[in-house]
Structures are given as structure tokens and as C-alpha cells.
PDB file of all heavy atoms in Angstrom:
ATOM      1  N   GLY A   1     -44.303 109.319 145.026  1.00  0.00           N
ATOM      2  CA  GLY A   1     -44.481 108.412 146.168  1.00  0.00           C
ATOM      3  C   GLY A   1     -44.232 106.966 145.722  1.00  0.00           C
ATOM      4  O   GLY A   1     -44.121 106.645 144.510  1.00  0.00           O
ATOM      5  N   ARG A   2     -44.209 106.073 146.712  1.00  0.00           N
ATOM      6  CA  ARG A   2     -43.848 104.700 146.433  1.00  0.00           C
ATOM      7  C   ARG A   2     -44.992 103.939 145.738  1.00  0.00           C
ATOM      8  O   ARG A   2     -44.730 103.081 144.893  1.00  0.00           O
ATOM      9  CB  ARG A   2     -43.505 104.001 147.761  1.00  0.00           C
ATOM     10  CG  ARG A   2     -42.239 104.537 148.413  1.00  0.00           C
ATOM     11  CD  ARG A   2     -41.951 103.796 149.708  1.00  0.00           C
ATOM     12  NE  ARG A   2     -40.746 104.297 150.359  1.00  0.00           N
ATOM     13  CZ  ARG A   2     -40.299 103.849 151.503  1.00  0.00           C
ATOM     14  NH1 ARG A   2     -40.967 102.909 152.159  1.00  0.00           N
ATOM     15  NH2 ARG A   2     -39.179 104.377 152.045  1.00  0.00           N
ATOM     16  N   GLN A   3     -46.240 104.235 146.139  1.00  0.00           N
ATOM     17  CA  GLN A   3     -47.330 103.456 145.578  1.00  0.00           C
ATOM     18  C   GLN A   3     -47.446 103.639 144.045  1.00  0.00           C
ATOM     19  O   GLN A   3     -47.565 102.610 143.343  1.00  0.00           O
ATOM     20  CB  GLN A   3     -48.638 103.832 146.257  1.00  0.00           C
ATOM     21  CG  GLN A   3     -49.816 102.910 145.835  1.00  0.00           C
ATOM     22  CD  GLN A   3     -51.108 103.352 146.477  1.00  0.00           C
ATOM     23  OE1 GLN A   3     -51.522 104.504 146.299  1.00  0.00           O
ATOM     24  NE2 GLN A   3     -51.723 102.466 147.219  1.00  0.00           N
ATOM     25  N   PRO A   4     -47.476 104.861 143.512  1.00  0.00           N
ATOM     26  CA  PRO A   4     -47.533 104.987 142.030  1.00  0.00           C
ATOM     27  C   PRO A   4     -46.390 104.289 141.346  1.00  0.00           C
ATOM     28  O   PRO A   4     -46.574 103.666 140.270  1.00  0.00           O
ATOM     29  CB  PRO A   4     -47.510 106.504 141.832  1.00  0.00           C
ATOM     30  CG  PRO A   4     -48.027 107.077 143.076  1.00  0.00           C
ATOM     31  CD  PRO A   4     -47.511 106.181 144.156  1.00  0.00           C
ATOM     32  N   TRP A   5     -45.180 104.368 141.907  1.00  0.00           N
ATOM     33  CA  TRP A   5     -44.059 103.662 141.289  1.00  0.00           C
ATOM     34  C   TRP A   5     -44.246 102.152 141.367  1.00  0.00           C
ATOM     35  O   TRP A   5     -43.903 101.432 140.375  1.00  0.00           O
ATOM     36  CB  TRP A   5     -42.752 104.050 142.012  1.00  0.00           C
ATOM     37  CG  TRP A   5     -42.155 105.321 141.501  1.00  0.00           C
ATOM     38  CD1 TRP A   5     -42.138 106.522 142.101  1.00  0.00           C
ATOM     39  CD2 TRP A   5     -41.502 105.512 140.256  1.00  0.00           C
ATOM     40  NE1 TRP A   5     -41.539 107.482 141.327  1.00  0.00           N
ATOM     41  CE2 TRP A   5     -41.112 106.866 140.172  1.00  0.00           C
ATOM     42  CE3 TRP A   5     -41.183 104.662 139.185  1.00  0.00           C
ATOM     43  CZ2 TRP A   5     -40.435 107.406 139.079  1.00  0.00           C
ATOM     44  CZ3 TRP A   5     -40.502 105.200 138.059  1.00  0.00           C
ATOM     45  CH2 TRP A   5     -40.150 106.542 138.051  1.00  0.00           C
ATOM     46  N   ALA A   6     -44.751 101.649 142.434  1.00  0.00           N
ATOM     47  CA  ALA A   6     -44.988 100.205 142.555  1.00  0.00           C
ATOM     48  C   ALA A   6     -46.050  99.771 141.523  1.00  0.00           C
ATOM     49  O   ALA A   6     -45.875  98.704 140.885  1.00  0.00           O
ATOM     50  CB  ALA A   6     -45.454  99.870 143.988  1.00  0.00           C
ATOM     51  N   VAL A   7     -47.110 100.553 141.361  1.00  0.00           N
ATOM     52  CA  VAL A   7     -48.129 100.197 140.395  1.00  0.00           C
ATOM     53  C   VAL A   7     -47.551 100.218 138.972  1.00  0.00           C
ATOM     54  O   VAL A   7     -47.781  99.287 138.169  1.00  0.00           O
ATOM     55  CB  VAL A   7     -49.291 101.158 140.472  1.00  0.00           C
ATOM     56  CG1 VAL A   7     -50.278 100.927 139.308  1.00  0.00           C
ATOM     57  CG2 VAL A   7     -50.058 100.993 141.818  1.00  0.00           C
ATOM     58  N   ALA A   8     -46.784 101.260 138.636  1.00  0.00           N
ATOM     59  CA  ALA A   8     -46.218 101.382 137.300  1.00  0.00           C
ATOM     60  C   ALA A   8     -45.250 100.230 137.024  1.00  0.00           C
ATOM     61  O   ALA A   8     -45.289  99.594 135.936  1.00  0.00           O
ATOM     62  CB  ALA A   8     -45.498 102.708 137.147  1.00  0.00           C
ATOM     63  N   ALA A   9     -44.378  99.930 137.999  1.00  0.00           N
ATOM     64  CA  ALA A   9     -43.393  98.854 137.770  1.00  0.00           C
ATOM     65  C   ALA A   9     -44.092  97.481 137.677  1.00  0.00           C
ATOM     66  O   ALA A   9     -43.767  96.673 136.791  1.00  0.00           O
ATOM     67  CB  ALA A   9     -42.389  98.856 138.936  1.00  0.00           C
ATOM     68  N   GLY A  10     -45.061  97.271 138.574  1.00  0.00           N
ATOM     69  CA  GLY A  10     -45.771  95.983 138.515  1.00  0.00           C
ATOM     70  C   GLY A  10     -46.526  95.789 137.195  1.00  0.00           C
ATOM     71  O   GLY A  10     -46.501  94.702 136.618  1.00  0.00           O
ATOM     72  N   ALA A  11     -47.214  96.840 136.757  1.00  0.00           N
ATOM     73  CA  ALA A  11     -47.955  96.747 135.488  1.00  0.00           C
ATOM     74  C   ALA A  11     -47.021  96.498 134.298  1.00  0.00           C
ATOM     75  O   ALA A  11     -47.325  95.708 133.411  1.00  0.00           O
ATOM     76  CB  ALA A  11     -48.757  98.041 135.252  1.00  0.00           C
ATOM     77  N   ALA A  12     -45.863  97.198 134.294  1.00  0.00           N
ATOM     78  CA  ALA A  12     -44.924  96.972 133.231  1.00  0.00           C
ATOM     79  C   ALA A  12     -44.366  95.541 133.167  1.00  0.00           C
ATOM     80  O   ALA A  12     -44.239  94.960 132.110  1.00  0.00           O
ATOM     81  CB  ALA A  12     -43.757  97.983 133.362  1.00  0.00           C
ATOM     82  N   VAL A  13     -44.054  95.016 134.349  1.00  0.00           N
ATOM     83  CA  VAL A  13     -43.542  93.648 134.409  1.00  0.00           C
ATOM     84  C   VAL A  13     -44.588  92.662 133.938  1.00  0.00           C
ATOM     85  O   VAL A  13     -44.292  91.748 133.138  1.00  0.00           O
ATOM     86  CB  VAL A  13     -43.082  93.334 135.836  1.00  0.00           C
ATOM     87  CG1 VAL A  13     -42.795  91.830 135.985  1.00  0.00           C
ATOM     88  CG2 VAL A  13     -41.849  94.123 136.211  1.00  0.00           C
ATOM     89  N   VAL A  14     -45.832  92.806 134.405  1.00  0.00           N
ATOM     90  CA  VAL A  14     -46.903  91.914 134.000  1.00  0.00           C
ATOM     91  C   VAL A  14     -47.119  91.949 132.472  1.00  0.00           C
ATOM     92  O   VAL A  14     -47.218  90.917 131.817  1.00  0.00           O
ATOM     93  CB  VAL A  14     -48.207  92.252 134.745  1.00  0.00           C
ATOM     94  CG1 VAL A  14     -49.394  91.516 134.122  1.00  0.00           C
ATOM     95  CG2 VAL A  14     -48.073  91.905 136.211  1.00  0.00           C
ATOM     96  N   ALA A  15     -47.187  93.167 131.904  1.00  0.00           N
ATOM     97  CA  ALA A  15     -47.395  93.295 130.488  1.00  0.00           C
ATOM     98  C   ALA A  15     -46.240  92.690 129.703  1.00  0.00           C
ATOM     99  O   ALA A  15     -46.458  91.989 128.677  1.00  0.00           O
ATOM    100  CB  ALA A  15     -47.592  94.744 130.115  1.00  0.00           C
ATOM    101  N   ALA A  16     -45.007  92.920 130.128  1.00  0.00           N
ATOM    102  CA  ALA A  16     -43.840  92.413 129.395  1.00  0.00           C
ATOM    103  C   ALA A  16     -43.790  90.899 129.452  1.00  0.00           C
ATOM    104  O   ALA A  16     -43.419  90.249 128.433  1.00  0.00           O
ATOM    105  CB  ALA A  16     -42.571  92.993 130.002  1.00  0.00           C
ATOM    106  N   LEU A  17     -44.141  90.312 130.573  1.00  0.00           N
ATOM    107  CA  LEU A  17     -44.109  88.842 130.671  1.00  0.00           C
ATOM    108  C   LEU A  17     -45.188  88.165 129.872  1.00  0.00           C
ATOM    109  O   LEU A  17     -44.997  87.063 129.303  1.00  0.00           O
ATOM    110  CB  LEU A  17     -44.225  88.421 132.171  1.00  0.00           C
ATOM    111  CG  LEU A  17     -43.027  88.759 133.059  1.00  0.00           C
ATOM    112  CD1 LEU A  17     -43.354  88.387 134.510  1.00  0.00           C
ATOM    113  CD2 LEU A  17     -41.784  88.032 132.587  1.00  0.00           C
ATOM    114  N   LEU A  18     -46.368  88.773 129.798  1.00  0.00           N
ATOM    115  CA  LEU A  18     -47.493  88.142 129.144  1.00  0.00           C
ATOM    116  C   LEU A  18     -47.563  88.392 127.633  1.00  0.00           C
ATOM    117  O   LEU A  18     -48.123  87.567 126.917  1.00  0.00           O
ATOM    118  CB  LEU A  18     -48.791  88.626 129.792  1.00  0.00           C
ATOM    119  CG  LEU A  18     -49.041  88.242 131.247  1.00  0.00           C
ATOM    120  CD1 LEU A  18     -50.387  88.757 131.707  1.00  0.00           C
ATOM    121  CD2 LEU A  18     -48.923  86.751 131.472  1.00  0.00           C
ATOM    122  N   THR A  19     -46.997  89.483 127.182  1.00  0.00           N
ATOM    123  CA  THR A  19     -47.127  89.849 125.765  1.00  0.00           C
ATOM    124  C   THR A  19     -46.666  88.760 124.816  1.00  0.00           C
ATOM    125  O   THR A  19     -47.314  88.511 123.791  1.00  0.00           O
ATOM    126  CB  THR A  19     -46.349  91.198 125.476  1.00  0.00           C
ATOM    127  OG1 THR A  19     -46.978  92.238 126.225  1.00  0.00           O
ATOM    128  CG2 THR A  19     -46.377  91.509 124.003  1.00  0.00           C
ATOM    129  N   PRO A  20     -45.506  88.080 125.017  1.00  0.00           N
ATOM    130  CA  PRO A  20     -45.085  87.052 124.065  1.00  0.00           C
ATOM    131  C   PRO A  20     -46.012  85.823 124.043  1.00  0.00           C
ATOM    132  O   PRO A  20     -45.965  85.067 123.055  1.00  0.00           O
ATOM    133  CB  PRO A  20     -43.691  86.648 124.532  1.00  0.00           C
ATOM    134  CG  PRO A  20     -43.241  87.751 125.455  1.00  0.00           C
ATOM    135  CD  PRO A  20     -44.529  88.275 126.077  1.00  0.00           C
ATOM    136  N   TRP A  21     -46.855  85.657 125.039  1.00  0.00           N
ATOM    137  CA  TRP A  21     -47.591  84.384 125.156  1.00  0.00           C
ATOM    138  C   TRP A  21     -49.099  84.529 124.908  1.00  0.00           C
ATOM    139  O   TRP A  21     -49.738  83.515 124.605  1.00  0.00           O
ATOM    140  CB  TRP A  21     -47.369  83.805 126.548  1.00  0.00           C
ATOM    141  CG  TRP A  21     -45.897  83.669 126.898  1.00  0.00           C
ATOM    142  CD1 TRP A  21     -45.204  84.480 127.734  1.00  0.00           C
ATOM    143  CD2 TRP A  21     -45.001  82.702 126.395  1.00  0.00           C
ATOM    144  NE1 TRP A  21     -43.887  84.067 127.786  1.00  0.00           N
ATOM    145  CE2 TRP A  21     -43.728  82.983 126.978  1.00  0.00           C
ATOM    146  CE3 TRP A  21     -45.100  81.616 125.552  1.00  0.00           C
ATOM    147  CZ2 TRP A  21     -42.585  82.205 126.713  1.00  0.00           C
ATOM    148  CZ3 TRP A  21     -43.954  80.865 125.259  1.00  0.00           C
ATOM    149  CH2 TRP A  21     -42.760  81.162 125.871  1.00  0.00           C
ATOM    150  N   LEU A  22     -49.636  85.695 125.090  1.00  0.00           N
ATOM    151  CA  LEU A  22     -51.049  85.850 125.000  1.00  0.00           C
ATOM    152  C   LEU A  22     -51.467  86.719 123.819  1.00  0.00           C
ATOM    153  O   LEU A  22     -50.649  87.514 123.307  1.00  0.00           O
ATOM    154  CB  LEU A  22     -51.623  86.475 126.293  1.00  0.00           C
ATOM    155  CG  LEU A  22     -51.360  85.677 127.572  1.00  0.00           C
ATOM    156  CD1 LEU A  22     -51.931  86.433 128.785  1.00  0.00           C
ATOM    157  CD2 LEU A  22     -52.007  84.289 127.440  1.00  0.00           C
ATOM    158  N   MET A  23     -52.732  86.614 123.403  1.00  0.00           N
ATOM    159  CA  MET A  23     -53.182  87.373 122.272  1.00  0.00           C
ATOM    160  C   MET A  23     -53.270  88.856 122.674  1.00  0.00           C
ATOM    161  O   MET A  23     -53.406  89.205 123.838  1.00  0.00           O
ATOM    162  CB  MET A  23     -54.575  86.899 121.790  1.00  0.00           C
ATOM    163  CG  MET A  23     -55.681  87.064 122.817  1.00  0.00           C
ATOM    164  SD  MET A  23     -57.254  86.269 122.277  1.00  0.00           S
ATOM    165  CE  MET A  23     -57.565  87.178 120.779  1.00  0.00           C
ATOM    166  N   PRO A  24     -53.206  89.756 121.665  1.00  0.00           N
ATOM    167  CA  PRO A  24     -53.249  91.216 121.971  1.00  0.00           C
ATOM    168  C   PRO A  24     -54.491  91.593 122.754  1.00  0.00           C
ATOM    169  O   PRO A  24     -55.577  91.100 122.498  1.00  0.00           O
ATOM    170  CB  PRO A  24     -53.268  91.855 120.571  1.00  0.00           C
ATOM    171  CG  PRO A  24     -52.607  90.846 119.688  1.00  0.00           C
ATOM    172  CD  PRO A  24     -53.020  89.493 120.230  1.00  0.00           C
ATOM    173  N   GLY A  25     -54.295  92.458 123.737  1.00  0.00           N
ATOM    174  CA  GLY A  25     -55.398  92.906 124.543  1.00  0.00           C
ATOM    175  C   GLY A  25     -55.383  92.365 125.950  1.00  0.00           C
ATOM    176  O   GLY A  25     -55.560  93.084 126.922  1.00  0.00           O
ATOM    177  N   ILE A  26     -55.081  91.044 126.075  1.00  0.00           N
ATOM    178  CA  ILE A  26     -55.081  90.416 127.416  1.00  0.00           C
ATOM    179  C   ILE A  26     -53.942  90.969 128.297  1.00  0.00           C
ATOM    180  O   ILE A  26     -54.173  91.262 129.479  1.00  0.00           O
ATOM    181  CB  ILE A  26     -54.998  88.888 127.272  1.00  0.00           C
ATOM    182  CG1 ILE A  26     -56.267  88.374 126.598  1.00  0.00           C
ATOM    183  CG2 ILE A  26     -54.813  88.252 128.653  1.00  0.00           C
ATOM    184  CD1 ILE A  26     -56.298  86.863 126.409  1.00  0.00           C
ATOM    185  N   PRO A  27     -52.697  91.159 127.793  1.00  0.00           N
ATOM    186  CA  PRO A  27     -51.678  91.738 128.661  1.00  0.00           C
ATOM    187  C   PRO A  27     -52.036  93.138 129.170  1.00  0.00           C
ATOM    188  O   PRO A  27     -51.686  93.476 130.316  1.00  0.00           O
ATOM    189  CB  PRO A  27     -50.431  91.776 127.748  1.00  0.00           C
ATOM    190  CG  PRO A  27     -50.654  90.678 126.768  1.00  0.00           C
ATOM    191  CD  PRO A  27     -52.125  90.717 126.488  1.00  0.00           C
ATOM    192  N   VAL A  28     -52.714  93.934 128.321  1.00  0.00           N
ATOM    193  CA  VAL A  28     -53.129  95.263 128.781  1.00  0.00           C
ATOM    194  C   VAL A  28     -54.099  95.202 129.940  1.00  0.00           C
ATOM    195  O   VAL A  28     -53.963  95.907 130.943  1.00  0.00           O
ATOM    196  CB  VAL A  28     -53.751  96.046 127.596  1.00  0.00           C
ATOM    197  CG1 VAL A  28     -54.267  97.390 128.041  1.00  0.00           C
ATOM    198  CG2 VAL A  28     -52.713  96.233 126.480  1.00  0.00           C
ATOM    199  N   ILE A  29     -55.087  94.296 129.830  1.00  0.00           N
ATOM    200  CA  ILE A  29     -56.073  94.170 130.869  1.00  0.00           C
ATOM    201  C   ILE A  29     -55.454  93.604 132.134  1.00  0.00           C
ATOM    202  O   ILE A  29     -55.751  94.057 133.262  1.00  0.00           O
ATOM    203  CB  ILE A  29     -57.224  93.234 130.374  1.00  0.00           C
ATOM    204  CG1 ILE A  29     -57.931  93.888 129.186  1.00  0.00           C
ATOM    205  CG2 ILE A  29     -58.223  92.983 131.507  1.00  0.00           C
ATOM    206  CD1 ILE A  29     -58.932  92.989 128.531  1.00  0.00           C
ATOM    207  N   ALA A  30     -54.531  92.647 131.983  1.00  0.00           N
ATOM    208  CA  ALA A  30     -53.845  92.069 133.111  1.00  0.00           C
ATOM    209  C   ALA A  30     -53.022  93.123 133.866  1.00  0.00           C
ATOM    210  O   ALA A  30     -52.960  93.142 135.090  1.00  0.00           O
ATOM    211  CB  ALA A  30     -52.995  90.873 132.694  1.00  0.00           C
ATOM    212  N   ALA A  31     -52.341  93.959 133.093  1.00  0.00           N
ATOM    213  CA  ALA A  31     -51.518  95.019 133.667  1.00  0.00           C
ATOM    214  C   ALA A  31     -52.387  95.978 134.446  1.00  0.00           C
ATOM    215  O   ALA A  31     -52.015  96.468 135.507  1.00  0.00           O
ATOM    216  CB  ALA A  31     -50.730  95.744 132.590  1.00  0.00           C
ATOM    217  N   ALA A  32     -53.570  96.291 133.907  1.00  0.00           N
ATOM    218  CA  ALA A  32     -54.461  97.198 134.638  1.00  0.00           C
ATOM    219  C   ALA A  32     -54.917  96.565 135.926  1.00  0.00           C
ATOM    220  O   ALA A  32     -55.215  97.267 136.912  1.00  0.00           O
ATOM    221  CB  ALA A  32     -55.672  97.528 133.758  1.00  0.00           C
ATOM    222  N   GLY A  33     -54.972  95.265 135.980  1.00  0.00           N
ATOM    223  CA  GLY A  33     -55.344  94.545 137.183  1.00  0.00           C
ATOM    224  C   GLY A  33     -54.403  94.777 138.365  1.00  0.00           C
ATOM    225  O   GLY A  33     -54.800  94.641 139.505  1.00  0.00           O
ATOM    226  N   VAL A  34     -53.150  95.177 138.033  1.00  0.00           N
ATOM    227  CA  VAL A  34     -52.179  95.485 139.084  1.00  0.00           C
ATOM    228  C   VAL A  34     -52.686  96.672 139.900  1.00  0.00           C
ATOM    229  O   VAL A  34     -52.655  96.659 141.125  1.00  0.00           O
ATOM    230  CB  VAL A  34     -50.808  95.792 138.495  1.00  0.00           C
ATOM    231  CG1 VAL A  34     -49.844  96.267 139.593  1.00  0.00           C
ATOM    232  CG2 VAL A  34     -50.223  94.549 137.790  1.00  0.00           C
ATOM    233  N   ALA A  35     -53.159  97.704 139.229  1.00  0.00           N
ATOM    234  CA  ALA A  35     -53.666  98.873 139.945  1.00  0.00           C
ATOM    235  C   ALA A  35     -54.881  98.548 140.734  1.00  0.00           C
ATOM    236  O   ALA A  35     -55.073  99.036 141.873  1.00  0.00           O
ATOM    237  CB  ALA A  35     -53.981  99.991 138.944  1.00  0.00           C
ATOM    238  N   VAL A  36     -55.751  97.689 140.185  1.00  0.00           N
ATOM    239  CA  VAL A  36     -56.965  97.286 140.941  1.00  0.00           C
ATOM    240  C   VAL A  36     -56.570  96.542 142.206  1.00  0.00           C
ATOM    241  O   VAL A  36     -57.131  96.779 143.294  1.00  0.00           O
ATOM    242  CB  VAL A  36     -57.877  96.424 140.051  1.00  0.00           C
ATOM    243  CG1 VAL A  36     -59.051  95.875 140.836  1.00  0.00           C
ATOM    244  CG2 VAL A  36     -58.354  97.214 138.825  1.00  0.00           C
ATOM    245  N   ALA A  37     -55.595  95.625 142.073  1.00  0.00           N
ATOM    246  CA  ALA A  37     -55.152  94.852 143.226  1.00  0.00           C
ATOM    247  C   ALA A  37     -54.564  95.705 144.315  1.00  0.00           C
ATOM    248  O   ALA A  37     -54.815  95.531 145.498  1.00  0.00           O
ATOM    249  CB  ALA A  37     -54.147  93.782 142.761  1.00  0.00           C
ATOM    250  N   VAL A  38     -53.757  96.707 143.900  1.00  0.00           N
ATOM    251  CA  VAL A  38     -53.180  97.595 144.876  1.00  0.00           C
ATOM    252  C   VAL A  38     -54.248  98.411 145.587  1.00  0.00           C
ATOM    253  O   VAL A  38     -54.185  98.612 146.798  1.00  0.00           O
ATOM    254  CB  VAL A  38     -52.157  98.554 144.191  1.00  0.00           C
ATOM    255  CG1 VAL A  38     -51.692  99.621 145.153  1.00  0.00           C
ATOM    256  CG2 VAL A  38     -50.938  97.767 143.698  1.00  0.00           C
ATOM    257  N   GLY A  39     -55.272  98.868 144.827  1.00  0.00           N
ATOM    258  CA  GLY A  39     -56.339  99.634 145.428  1.00  0.00           C
ATOM    259  C   GLY A  39     -57.156  98.831 146.396  1.00  0.00           C
ATOM    260  O   GLY A  39     -57.579  99.321 147.424  1.00  0.00           O
ATOM    261  N   LEU A  40     -57.329  97.518 146.094  1.00  0.00           N
ATOM    262  CA  LEU A  40     -58.173  96.670 146.959  1.00  0.00           C
ATOM    263  C   LEU A  40     -57.432  96.200 148.213  1.00  0.00           C
ATOM    264  O   LEU A  40     -58.026  96.061 149.294  1.00  0.00           O
ATOM    265  CB  LEU A  40     -58.654  95.452 146.187  1.00  0.00           C
ATOM    266  CG  LEU A  40     -59.708  95.719 145.084  1.00  0.00           C
ATOM    267  CD1 LEU A  40     -60.006  94.425 144.334  1.00  0.00           C
ATOM    268  CD2 LEU A  40     -60.989  96.270 145.716  1.00  0.00           C
ATOM    269  N   PHE A  41     -56.131  96.002 148.087  1.00  0.00           N
ATOM    270  CA  PHE A  41     -55.397  95.367 149.187  1.00  0.00           C
ATOM    271  C   PHE A  41     -54.306  96.257 149.746  1.00  0.00           C
ATOM    272  O   PHE A  41     -53.386  95.809 150.445  1.00  0.00           O
ATOM    273  CB  PHE A  41     -54.735  94.068 148.672  1.00  0.00           C
ATOM    274  CG  PHE A  41     -55.731  93.084 148.166  1.00  0.00           C
ATOM    275  CD1 PHE A  41     -55.822  92.844 146.765  1.00  0.00           C
ATOM    276  CD2 PHE A  41     -56.604  92.410 148.968  1.00  0.00           C
ATOM    277  CE1 PHE A  41     -56.751  91.925 146.258  1.00  0.00           C
ATOM    278  CE2 PHE A  41     -57.546  91.497 148.469  1.00  0.00           C
ATOM    279  CZ  PHE A  41     -57.621  91.280 147.117  1.00  0.00           C
ATOM    280  N   ASP A  42     -54.376  97.565 149.501  1.00  0.00           N
ATOM    281  CA  ASP A  42     -53.402  98.485 150.074  1.00  0.00           C
ATOM    282  C   ASP A  42     -53.505  98.492 151.583  1.00  0.00           C
ATOM    283  O   ASP A  42     -54.545  98.885 152.149  1.00  0.00           O
ATOM    284  CB  ASP A  42     -53.653  99.885 149.482  1.00  0.00           C
ATOM    285  CG  ASP A  42     -52.600 100.884 149.963  1.00  0.00           C
ATOM    286  OD1 ASP A  42     -51.690 100.492 150.727  1.00  0.00           O
ATOM    287  OD2 ASP A  42     -52.692 102.079 149.581  1.00  0.00           O
ATOM    288  N   PRO A  43     -52.487  98.040 152.304  1.00  0.00           N
ATOM    289  CA  PRO A  43     -52.580  97.966 153.745  1.00  0.00           C
ATOM    290  C   PRO A  43     -52.649  99.333 154.408  1.00  0.00           C
ATOM    291  O   PRO A  43     -53.086  99.453 155.576  1.00  0.00           O
ATOM    292  CB  PRO A  43     -51.292  97.248 154.178  1.00  0.00           C
ATOM    293  CG  PRO A  43     -50.335  97.512 153.041  1.00  0.00           C
ATOM    294  CD  PRO A  43     -51.207  97.567 151.810  1.00  0.00           C
ATOM    295  N   ARG A  44     -52.278 100.390 153.699  1.00  0.00           N
ATOM    296  CA  ARG A  44     -52.315 101.732 154.280  1.00  0.00           C
ATOM    297  C   ARG A  44     -53.653 102.377 154.167  1.00  0.00           C
ATOM    298  O   ARG A  44     -53.921 103.399 154.776  1.00  0.00           O
ATOM    299  CB  ARG A  44     -51.283 102.646 153.593  1.00  0.00           C
ATOM    300  CG  ARG A  44     -49.859 102.183 153.738  1.00  0.00           C
ATOM    301  CD  ARG A  44     -48.929 103.106 152.945  1.00  0.00           C
ATOM    302  NE  ARG A  44     -49.290 103.058 151.501  1.00  0.00           N
ATOM    303  CZ  ARG A  44     -48.760 103.863 150.596  1.00  0.00           C
ATOM    304  NH1 ARG A  44     -47.866 104.786 150.998  1.00  0.00           N
ATOM    305  NH2 ARG A  44     -49.106 103.786 149.347  1.00  0.00           N
ATOM    306  N   ARG A  45     -54.597 101.771 153.409  1.00  0.00           N
ATOM    307  CA  ARG A  45     -55.913 102.339 153.237  1.00  0.00           C
ATOM    308  C   ARG A  45     -56.704 102.154 154.511  1.00  0.00           C
ATOM    309  O   ARG A  45     -56.797 101.039 155.030  1.00  0.00           O
ATOM    310  CB  ARG A  45     -56.636 101.685 152.065  1.00  0.00           C
ATOM    311  CG  ARG A  45     -57.948 102.342 151.737  1.00  0.00           C
ATOM    312  CD  ARG A  45     -58.629 101.663 150.558  1.00  0.00           C
ATOM    313  NE  ARG A  45     -58.914 100.273 150.873  1.00  0.00           N
ATOM    314  CZ  ARG A  45     -59.559  99.454 150.055  1.00  0.00           C
ATOM    315  NH1 ARG A  45     -59.929  99.888 148.847  1.00  0.00           N
ATOM    316  NH2 ARG A  45     -59.782  98.208 150.376  1.00  0.00           N
ATOM    317  N   PRO A  46     -57.301 103.223 155.063  1.00  0.00           N
ATOM    318  CA  PRO A  46     -58.117 103.053 156.277  1.00  0.00           C
ATOM    319  C   PRO A  46     -59.346 102.192 156.011  1.00  0.00           C
ATOM    320  O   PRO A  46     -59.953 102.266 154.959  1.00  0.00           O
ATOM    321  CB  PRO A  46     -58.513 104.494 156.639  1.00  0.00           C
ATOM    322  CG  PRO A  46     -58.419 105.244 155.371  1.00  0.00           C
ATOM    323  CD  PRO A  46     -57.294 104.604 154.596  1.00  0.00           C
TER     324      PRO A  46
END
């Protein structure tokens, strides 16, 4: 489905962009935040 692909792609982009600039650990947590954001603001969720 589209939602898992969107979460995976968004998390990968966030981690790739942040890894060169932030200390280890922070990009992983930020990438996980993508899934949290999708879960909280998914317009399809009743």
C-alpha cells in the first residue's frame, strides 16, 4: 500500500539528509518520527 511506502521513503530521506550533520543516533530518532507523524496526522484515519 501507499502509506507504508510513504513512511519508508520519508524516513530514508530524513535519515540520509541528517546523517552528515548530526551526531550518531539523532538521525535514527528523527527518521522514526516520520512514522509517528503519519500515524498522528493520517487524514484517512477515522
